[in-house]
PDB file of all heavy atoms in Angstrom:
ATOM      1  N   ARG A   1      91.099 103.390 118.524  1.00  0.00           N
ATOM      2  CA  ARG A   1      91.194 103.649 117.093  1.00  0.00           C
ATOM      3  C   ARG A   1      90.041 104.526 116.653  1.00  0.00           C
ATOM      4  O   ARG A   1      88.881 104.152 116.807  1.00  0.00           O
ATOM      5  CB  ARG A   1      91.272 102.376 116.266  1.00  0.00           C
ATOM      6  CG  ARG A   1      91.233 102.659 114.744  1.00  0.00           C
ATOM      7  CD  ARG A   1      92.232 101.907 114.014  1.00  0.00           C
ATOM      8  NE  ARG A   1      92.073 100.438 114.117  1.00  0.00           N
ATOM      9  CZ  ARG A   1      92.953  99.560 113.657  1.00  0.00           C
ATOM     10  NH1 ARG A   1      94.130  99.978 113.022  1.00  0.00           N
ATOM     11  NH2 ARG A   1      92.794  98.246 113.825  1.00  0.00           N
ATOM     12  N   ALA A   2      90.366 105.661 116.091  1.00  0.00           N
ATOM     13  CA  ALA A   2      89.360 106.546 115.500  1.00  0.00           C
ATOM     14  C   ALA A   2      89.338 106.301 114.018  1.00  0.00           C
ATOM     15  O   ALA A   2      90.363 105.811 113.413  1.00  0.00           O
ATOM     16  CB  ALA A   2      89.721 107.991 115.784  1.00  0.00           C
ATOM     17  N   PRO A   3      88.240 106.613 113.356  1.00  0.00           N
ATOM     18  CA  PRO A   3      88.149 106.389 111.884  1.00  0.00           C
ATOM     19  C   PRO A   3      89.336 107.075 111.103  1.00  0.00           C
ATOM     20  O   PRO A   3      89.595 108.234 111.350  1.00  0.00           O
ATOM     21  CB  PRO A   3      86.800 106.952 111.543  1.00  0.00           C
ATOM     22  CG  PRO A   3      86.013 106.878 112.794  1.00  0.00           C
ATOM     23  CD  PRO A   3      87.008 107.116 113.870  1.00  0.00           C
ATOM     24  N   GLY A   4      89.911 106.305 110.274  1.00  0.00           N
ATOM     25  CA  GLY A   4      90.993 106.861 109.450  1.00  0.00           C
ATOM     26  C   GLY A   4      92.334 106.975 110.161  1.00  0.00           C
ATOM     27  O   GLY A   4      93.281 107.531 109.571  1.00  0.00           O
ATOM     28  N   LYS A   5      92.401 106.522 111.360  1.00  0.00           N
ATOM     29  CA  LYS A   5      93.659 106.640 112.148  1.00  0.00           C
ATOM     30  C   LYS A   5      94.159 105.283 112.517  1.00  0.00           C
ATOM     31  O   LYS A   5      93.376 104.261 112.542  1.00  0.00           O
ATOM     32  CB  LYS A   5      93.461 107.532 113.375  1.00  0.00           C
ATOM     33  CG  LYS A   5      93.073 108.946 113.074  1.00  0.00           C
ATOM     34  CD  LYS A   5      92.964 109.741 114.343  1.00  0.00           C
ATOM     35  CE  LYS A   5      92.679 111.172 114.094  1.00  0.00           C
ATOM     36  NZ  LYS A   5      92.515 111.959 115.390  1.00  0.00           N
ATOM     37  N   GLU A   6      95.410 105.189 112.823  1.00  0.00           N
ATOM     38  CA  GLU A   6      96.043 103.972 113.370  1.00  0.00           C
ATOM     39  C   GLU A   6      95.572 103.755 114.795  1.00  0.00           C
ATOM     40  O   GLU A   6      95.266 104.714 115.527  1.00  0.00           O
ATOM     41  CB  GLU A   6      97.557 104.049 113.265  1.00  0.00           C
ATOM     42  CG  GLU A   6      98.030 104.125 111.844  1.00  0.00           C
ATOM     43  CD  GLU A   6      97.819 102.914 111.073  1.00  0.00           C
ATOM     44  OE1 GLU A   6      97.916 101.781 111.669  1.00  0.00           O
ATOM     45  OE2 GLU A   6      97.541 102.920 109.893  1.00  0.00           O
ATOM     46  N   ARG A   7      95.564 102.497 115.211  1.00  0.00           N
ATOM     47  CA  ARG A   7      95.326 102.196 116.570  1.00  0.00           C
ATOM     48  C   ARG A   7      96.464 102.750 117.468  1.00  0.00           C
ATOM     49  O   ARG A   7      97.622 102.615 117.151  1.00  0.00           O
ATOM     50  CB  ARG A   7      95.226 100.720 116.795  1.00  0.00           C
ATOM     51  CG  ARG A   7      94.824 100.263 118.183  1.00  0.00           C
ATOM     52  CD  ARG A   7      94.308  98.849 118.209  1.00  0.00           C
ATOM     53  NE  ARG A   7      95.262  97.940 117.617  1.00  0.00           N
ATOM     54  CZ  ARG A   7      94.930  96.667 117.311  1.00  0.00           C
ATOM     55  NH1 ARG A   7      93.693  96.208 117.485  1.00  0.00           N
ATOM     56  NH2 ARG A   7      95.898  95.858 116.801  1.00  0.00           N
ATOM     57  N   GLU A   8      96.102 103.420 118.583  1.00  0.00           N
ATOM     58  CA  GLU A   8      97.086 104.029 119.378  1.00  0.00           C
ATOM     59  C   GLU A   8      96.972 103.602 120.848  1.00  0.00           C
ATOM     60  O   GLU A   8      95.911 103.258 121.324  1.00  0.00           O
ATOM     61  CB  GLU A   8      96.985 105.582 119.316  1.00  0.00           C
ATOM     62  CG  GLU A   8      95.729 106.177 119.805  1.00  0.00           C
ATOM     63  CD  GLU A   8      95.616 107.683 119.655  1.00  0.00           C
ATOM     64  OE1 GLU A   8      96.688 108.276 119.297  1.00  0.00           O
ATOM     65  OE2 GLU A   8      94.563 108.217 119.873  1.00  0.00           O
ATOM     66  N   PHE A   9      98.078 103.623 121.517  1.00  0.00           N
ATOM     67  CA  PHE A   9      98.160 103.221 122.896  1.00  0.00           C
ATOM     68  C   PHE A   9      97.532 104.238 123.813  1.00  0.00           C
ATOM     69  O   PHE A   9      97.652 105.424 123.588  1.00  0.00           O
ATOM     70  CB  PHE A   9      99.642 103.026 123.272  1.00  0.00           C
ATOM     71  CG  PHE A   9      99.858 102.889 124.747  1.00  0.00           C
ATOM     72  CD1 PHE A   9      99.578 101.700 125.384  1.00  0.00           C
ATOM     73  CD2 PHE A   9     100.349 103.941 125.501  1.00  0.00           C
ATOM     74  CE1 PHE A   9      99.755 101.524 126.756  1.00  0.00           C
ATOM     75  CE2 PHE A   9     100.572 103.801 126.851  1.00  0.00           C
ATOM     76  CZ  PHE A   9     100.263 102.610 127.505  1.00  0.00           C
ATOM     77  N   VAL A  10      96.839 103.737 124.838  1.00  0.00           N
ATOM     78  CA  VAL A  10      96.210 104.617 125.821  1.00  0.00           C
ATOM     79  C   VAL A  10      96.768 104.409 127.219  1.00  0.00           C
ATOM     80  O   VAL A  10      97.281 105.309 127.851  1.00  0.00           O
ATOM     81  CB  VAL A  10      94.682 104.364 125.864  1.00  0.00           C
ATOM     82  CG1 VAL A  10      94.067 105.219 126.967  1.00  0.00           C
ATOM     83  CG2 VAL A  10      94.060 104.693 124.495  1.00  0.00           C
ATOM     84  N   ALA A  11      96.745 103.147 127.657  1.00  0.00           N
ATOM     85  CA  ALA A  11      97.200 102.872 129.038  1.00  0.00           C
ATOM     86  C   ALA A  11      97.493 101.384 129.175  1.00  0.00           C
ATOM     87  O   ALA A  11      96.917 100.574 128.395  1.00  0.00           O
ATOM     88  CB  ALA A  11      96.210 103.317 130.087  1.00  0.00           C
ATOM     89  N   ALA A  12      98.374 100.986 130.085  1.00  0.00           N
ATOM     90  CA  ALA A  12      98.614  99.573 130.312  1.00  0.00           C
ATOM     91  C   ALA A  12      99.034  99.364 131.694  1.00  0.00           C
ATOM     92  O   ALA A  12      99.572 100.218 132.405  1.00  0.00           O
ATOM     93  CB  ALA A  12      99.726  99.039 129.351  1.00  0.00           C
ATOM     94  N   LYS A  13      98.771  98.181 132.252  1.00  0.00           N
ATOM     95  CA  LYS A  13      99.153  97.787 133.628  1.00  0.00           C
ATOM     96  C   LYS A  13      99.461  96.323 133.732  1.00  0.00           C
ATOM     97  O   LYS A  13      98.749  95.487 133.180  1.00  0.00           O
ATOM     98  CB  LYS A  13      97.968  98.136 134.623  1.00  0.00           C
ATOM     99  CG  LYS A  13      98.297  97.821 136.062  1.00  0.00           C
ATOM    100  CD  LYS A  13      97.092  98.101 136.975  1.00  0.00           C
ATOM    101  CE  LYS A  13      96.942  99.558 137.140  1.00  0.00           C
ATOM    102  NZ  LYS A  13      98.053 100.193 137.969  1.00  0.00           N
ATOM    103  N   SER A  14     100.558  96.020 134.402  1.00  0.00           N
ATOM    104  CA  SER A  14     100.927  94.641 134.686  1.00  0.00           C
ATOM    105  C   SER A  14     100.015  94.101 135.767  1.00  0.00           C
ATOM    106  O   SER A  14      99.781  94.768 136.795  1.00  0.00           O
ATOM    107  CB  SER A  14     102.416  94.526 135.109  1.00  0.00           C
ATOM    108  OG  SER A  14     103.267  94.871 134.023  1.00  0.00           O
ATOM    109  N   TRP A  15      99.575  92.859 135.563  1.00  0.00           N
ATOM    110  CA  TRP A  15      98.607  92.327 136.520  1.00  0.00           C
ATOM    111  C   TRP A  15      99.174  92.122 137.875  1.00  0.00           C
ATOM    112  O   TRP A  15      98.563  92.435 138.890  1.00  0.00           O
ATOM    113  CB  TRP A  15      98.049  91.024 135.966  1.00  0.00           C
ATOM    114  CG  TRP A  15      96.721  90.701 136.413  1.00  0.00           C
ATOM    115  CD1 TRP A  15      96.346  89.805 137.437  1.00  0.00           C
ATOM    116  CD2 TRP A  15      95.490  91.188 135.976  1.00  0.00           C
ATOM    117  NE1 TRP A  15      95.015  89.774 137.645  1.00  0.00           N
ATOM    118  CE2 TRP A  15      94.463  90.603 136.715  1.00  0.00           C
ATOM    119  CE3 TRP A  15      95.145  92.132 134.965  1.00  0.00           C
ATOM    120  CZ2 TRP A  15      93.102  90.941 136.498  1.00  0.00           C
ATOM    121  CZ3 TRP A  15      93.822  92.464 134.783  1.00  0.00           C
ATOM    122  CH2 TRP A  15      92.845  91.862 135.506  1.00  0.00           C
ATOM    123  N   ARG A  16     100.407  91.576 137.963  1.00  0.00           N
ATOM    124  CA  ARG A  16     101.004  91.297 139.199  1.00  0.00           C
ATOM    125  C   ARG A  16     101.689  92.449 139.900  1.00  0.00           C
ATOM    126  O   ARG A  16     101.413  92.738 141.054  1.00  0.00           O
ATOM    127  CB  ARG A  16     102.011  90.141 139.043  1.00  0.00           C
ATOM    128  CG  ARG A  16     102.807  89.776 140.309  1.00  0.00           C
ATOM    129  CD  ARG A  16     103.821  88.698 140.078  1.00  0.00           C
ATOM    130  NE  ARG A  16     103.172  87.354 139.753  1.00  0.00           N
ATOM    131  CZ  ARG A  16     103.838  86.384 139.448  1.00  0.00           C
ATOM    132  NH1 ARG A  16     105.153  86.385 139.344  1.00  0.00           N
ATOM    133  NH2 ARG A  16     103.232  85.179 139.149  1.00  0.00           N
ATOM    134  N   SER A  17     102.530  93.162 139.158  1.00  0.00           N
ATOM    135  CA  SER A  17     103.344  94.225 139.744  1.00  0.00           C
ATOM    136  C   SER A  17     102.643  95.538 139.867  1.00  0.00           C
ATOM    137  O   SER A  17     102.988  96.384 140.695  1.00  0.00           O
ATOM    138  CB  SER A  17     104.639  94.397 138.986  1.00  0.00           C
ATOM    139  OG  SER A  17     104.391  94.942 137.700  1.00  0.00           O
ATOM    140  N   GLY A  18     101.655  95.762 138.981  1.00  0.00           N
ATOM    141  CA  GLY A  18     101.005  97.091 138.955  1.00  0.00           C
ATOM    142  C   GLY A  18     101.723  98.140 138.150  1.00  0.00           C
ATOM    143  O   GLY A  18     101.270  99.235 138.113  1.00  0.00           O
ATOM    144  N   THR A  19     102.820  97.777 137.561  1.00  0.00           N
ATOM    145  CA  THR A  19     103.567  98.716 136.687  1.00  0.00           C
ATOM    146  C   THR A  19     102.597  99.283 135.700  1.00  0.00           C
ATOM    147  O   THR A  19     101.866  98.570 134.980  1.00  0.00           O
ATOM    148  CB  THR A  19     104.723  98.018 136.022  1.00  0.00           C
ATOM    149  OG1 THR A  19     105.621  97.539 136.992  1.00  0.00           O
ATOM    150  CG2 THR A  19     105.450  98.994 135.082  1.00  0.00           C
ATOM    151  N   THR A  20     102.626 100.623 135.499  1.00  0.00           N
ATOM    152  CA  THR A  20     101.571 101.308 134.706  1.00  0.00           C
ATOM    153  C   THR A  20     102.236 102.291 133.778  1.00  0.00           C
ATOM    154  O   THR A  20     103.269 102.961 134.111  1.00  0.00           O
ATOM    155  CB  THR A  20     100.640 102.081 135.658  1.00  0.00           C
ATOM    156  OG1 THR A  20     100.075 101.168 136.639  1.00  0.00           O
ATOM    157  CG2 THR A  20      99.527 102.757 134.842  1.00  0.00           C
ATOM    158  N   TYR A  21     101.663 102.370 132.562  1.00  0.00           N
ATOM    159  CA  TYR A  21     102.102 103.298 131.522  1.00  0.00           C
ATOM    160  C   TYR A  21     100.847 104.020 131.028  1.00  0.00           C
ATOM    161  O   TYR A  21      99.766 103.454 130.900  1.00  0.00           O
ATOM    162  CB  TYR A  21     102.750 102.627 130.391  1.00  0.00           C
ATOM    163  CG  TYR A  21     104.002 101.846 130.763  1.00  0.00           C
ATOM    164  CD1 TYR A  21     103.940 100.476 130.812  1.00  0.00           C
ATOM    165  CD2 TYR A  21     105.224 102.468 131.071  1.00  0.00           C
ATOM    166  CE1 TYR A  21     105.084  99.769 131.175  1.00  0.00           C
ATOM    167  CE2 TYR A  21     106.337 101.766 131.389  1.00  0.00           C
ATOM    168  CZ  TYR A  21     106.271 100.365 131.472  1.00  0.00           C
ATOM    169  OH  TYR A  21     107.394  99.652 131.765  1.00  0.00           O
ATOM    170  N   TYR A  22     101.001 105.311 130.693  1.00  0.00           N
ATOM    171  CA  TYR A  22      99.993 106.122 130.107  1.00  0.00           C
ATOM    172  C   TYR A  22     100.522 106.869 128.886  1.00  0.00           C
ATOM    173  O   TYR A  22     101.681 107.293 128.877  1.00  0.00           O
ATOM    174  CB  TYR A  22      99.465 107.167 131.087  1.00  0.00           C
ATOM    175  CG  TYR A  22      98.706 106.638 132.237  1.00  0.00           C
ATOM    176  CD1 TYR A  22      99.263 106.504 133.508  1.00  0.00           C
ATOM    177  CD2 TYR A  22      97.343 106.203 132.094  1.00  0.00           C
ATOM    178  CE1 TYR A  22      98.552 105.987 134.574  1.00  0.00           C
ATOM    179  CE2 TYR A  22      96.629 105.685 133.161  1.00  0.00           C
ATOM    180  CZ  TYR A  22      97.237 105.621 134.403  1.00  0.00           C
ATOM    181  OH  TYR A  22      96.519 105.091 135.468  1.00  0.00           O
ATOM    182  N   ALA A  23      99.710 106.987 127.902  1.00  0.00           N
ATOM    183  CA  ALA A  23      99.991 107.904 126.812  1.00  0.00           C
ATOM    184  C   ALA A  23     100.016 109.325 127.314  1.00  0.00           C
ATOM    185  O   ALA A  23      99.220 109.637 128.204  1.00  0.00           O
ATOM    186  CB  ALA A  23      98.987 107.725 125.663  1.00  0.00           C
ATOM    187  N   ASP A  24     100.890 110.120 126.721  1.00  0.00           N
ATOM    188  CA  ASP A  24     100.967 111.503 127.171  1.00  0.00           C
ATOM    189  C   ASP A  24      99.650 112.305 127.095  1.00  0.00           C
ATOM    190  O   ASP A  24      99.366 113.116 127.928  1.00  0.00           O
ATOM    191  CB  ASP A  24     102.059 112.267 126.404  1.00  0.00           C
ATOM    192  CG  ASP A  24     103.461 111.824 126.731  1.00  0.00           C
ATOM    193  OD1 ASP A  24     103.685 111.229 127.787  1.00  0.00           O
ATOM    194  OD2 ASP A  24     104.372 112.071 125.927  1.00  0.00           O
ATOM    195  N   PHE A  25      98.863 111.987 126.067  1.00  0.00           N
ATOM    196  CA  PHE A  25      97.652 112.756 125.863  1.00  0.00           C
ATOM    197  C   PHE A  25      96.540 112.441 126.823  1.00  0.00           C
ATOM    198  O   PHE A  25      95.490 113.103 126.829  1.00  0.00           O
ATOM    199  CB  PHE A  25      97.171 112.650 124.403  1.00  0.00           C
ATOM    200  CG  PHE A  25      97.056 111.254 123.887  1.00  0.00           C
ATOM    201  CD1 PHE A  25      95.901 110.510 124.160  1.00  0.00           C
ATOM    202  CD2 PHE A  25      98.051 110.661 123.125  1.00  0.00           C
ATOM    203  CE1 PHE A  25      95.756 109.220 123.690  1.00  0.00           C
ATOM    204  CE2 PHE A  25      97.891 109.368 122.609  1.00  0.00           C
ATOM    205  CZ  PHE A  25      96.802 108.630 122.942  1.00  0.00           C
ATOM    206  N   VAL A  26      96.655 111.360 127.622  1.00  0.00           N
ATOM    207  CA  VAL A  26      95.667 111.016 128.564  1.00  0.00           C
ATOM    208  C   VAL A  26      96.187 111.130 130.031  1.00  0.00           C
ATOM    209  O   VAL A  26      95.370 111.021 130.994  1.00  0.00           O
ATOM    210  CB  VAL A  26      95.036 109.618 128.379  1.00  0.00           C
ATOM    211  CG1 VAL A  26      94.499 109.556 126.960  1.00  0.00           C
ATOM    212  CG2 VAL A  26      96.090 108.527 128.630  1.00  0.00           C
ATOM    213  N   LYS A  27      97.463 111.329 130.177  1.00  0.00           N
ATOM    214  CA  LYS A  27      98.024 111.390 131.536  1.00  0.00           C
ATOM    215  C   LYS A  27      97.428 112.488 132.365  1.00  0.00           C
ATOM    216  O   LYS A  27      97.259 113.671 131.905  1.00  0.00           O
ATOM    217  CB  LYS A  27      99.526 111.577 131.427  1.00  0.00           C
ATOM    218  CG  LYS A  27     100.281 111.360 132.751  1.00  0.00           C
ATOM    219  CD  LYS A  27     101.746 111.417 132.576  1.00  0.00           C
ATOM    220  CE  LYS A  27     102.512 111.181 133.820  1.00  0.00           C
ATOM    221  NZ  LYS A  27     103.948 111.219 133.693  1.00  0.00           N
ATOM    222  N   GLY A  28      96.921 112.119 133.576  1.00  0.00           N
ATOM    223  CA  GLY A  28      96.275 113.058 134.446  1.00  0.00           C
ATOM    224  C   GLY A  28      94.804 113.157 134.263  1.00  0.00           C
ATOM    225  O   GLY A  28      94.059 113.704 135.079  1.00  0.00           O
ATOM    226  N   ARG A  29      94.241 112.483 133.196  1.00  0.00           N
ATOM    227  CA  ARG A  29      92.827 112.439 132.975  1.00  0.00           C
ATOM    228  C   ARG A  29      92.230 111.049 133.078  1.00  0.00           C
ATOM    229  O   ARG A  29      91.118 110.856 133.588  1.00  0.00           O
ATOM    230  CB  ARG A  29      92.455 112.951 131.578  1.00  0.00           C
ATOM    231  CG  ARG A  29      92.840 114.441 131.355  1.00  0.00           C
ATOM    232  CD  ARG A  29      92.259 114.961 130.055  1.00  0.00           C
ATOM    233  NE  ARG A  29      92.856 114.267 128.911  1.00  0.00           N
ATOM    234  CZ  ARG A  29      92.101 113.626 127.988  1.00  0.00           C
ATOM    235  NH1 ARG A  29      90.774 113.607 128.048  1.00  0.00           N
ATOM    236  NH2 ARG A  29      92.668 113.057 126.970  1.00  0.00           N
ATOM    237  N   PHE A  30      93.049 110.003 132.624  1.00  0.00           N
ATOM    238  CA  PHE A  30      92.644 108.681 132.630  1.00  0.00           C
ATOM    239  C   PHE A  30      93.358 107.870 133.701  1.00  0.00           C
ATOM    240  O   PHE A  30      94.534 108.152 133.969  1.00  0.00           O
ATOM    241  CB  PHE A  30      92.899 107.971 131.301  1.00  0.00           C
ATOM    242  CG  PHE A  30      92.059 108.496 130.113  1.00  0.00           C
ATOM    243  CD1 PHE A  30      91.288 109.586 130.266  1.00  0.00           C
ATOM    244  CD2 PHE A  30      92.137 107.797 128.921  1.00  0.00           C
ATOM    245  CE1 PHE A  30      90.513 110.078 129.208  1.00  0.00           C
ATOM    246  CE2 PHE A  30      91.359 108.264 127.847  1.00  0.00           C
ATOM    247  CZ  PHE A  30      90.598 109.395 128.000  1.00  0.00           C
ATOM    248  N   THR A  31      92.700 106.877 134.280  1.00  0.00           N
ATOM    249  CA  THR A  31      93.352 106.010 135.269  1.00  0.00           C
ATOM    250  C   THR A  31      93.014 104.578 134.932  1.00  0.00           C
ATOM    251  O   THR A  31      91.835 104.186 134.787  1.00  0.00           O
ATOM    252  CB  THR A  31      92.810 106.332 136.704  1.00  0.00           C
ATOM    253  OG1 THR A  31      93.134 107.718 136.975  1.00  0.00           O
ATOM    254  CG2 THR A  31      93.567 105.421 137.695  1.00  0.00           C
ATOM    255  N   ILE A  32      94.036 103.757 134.863  1.00  0.00           N
ATOM    256  CA  ILE A  32      93.841 102.276 134.671  1.00  0.00           C
ATOM    257  C   ILE A  32      93.973 101.638 135.986  1.00  0.00           C
ATOM    258  O   ILE A  32      94.901 101.940 136.778  1.00  0.00           O
ATOM    259  CB  ILE A  32      94.831 101.744 133.609  1.00  0.00           C
ATOM    260  CG1 ILE A  32      94.586 100.238 133.328  1.00  0.00           C
ATOM    261  CG2 ILE A  32      96.280 101.927 134.047  1.00  0.00           C
ATOM    262  CD1 ILE A  32      95.335  99.662 132.214  1.00  0.00           C
TER     263      ILE A  32
END
């Protein structure tokens, strides 16, 4: 969350399966 903005999704991972999601704006730059 940046000042004045809504909280936004960045990345997520399931603990057991490893299923992973990334926001488009971080894909290729961030790794969970």
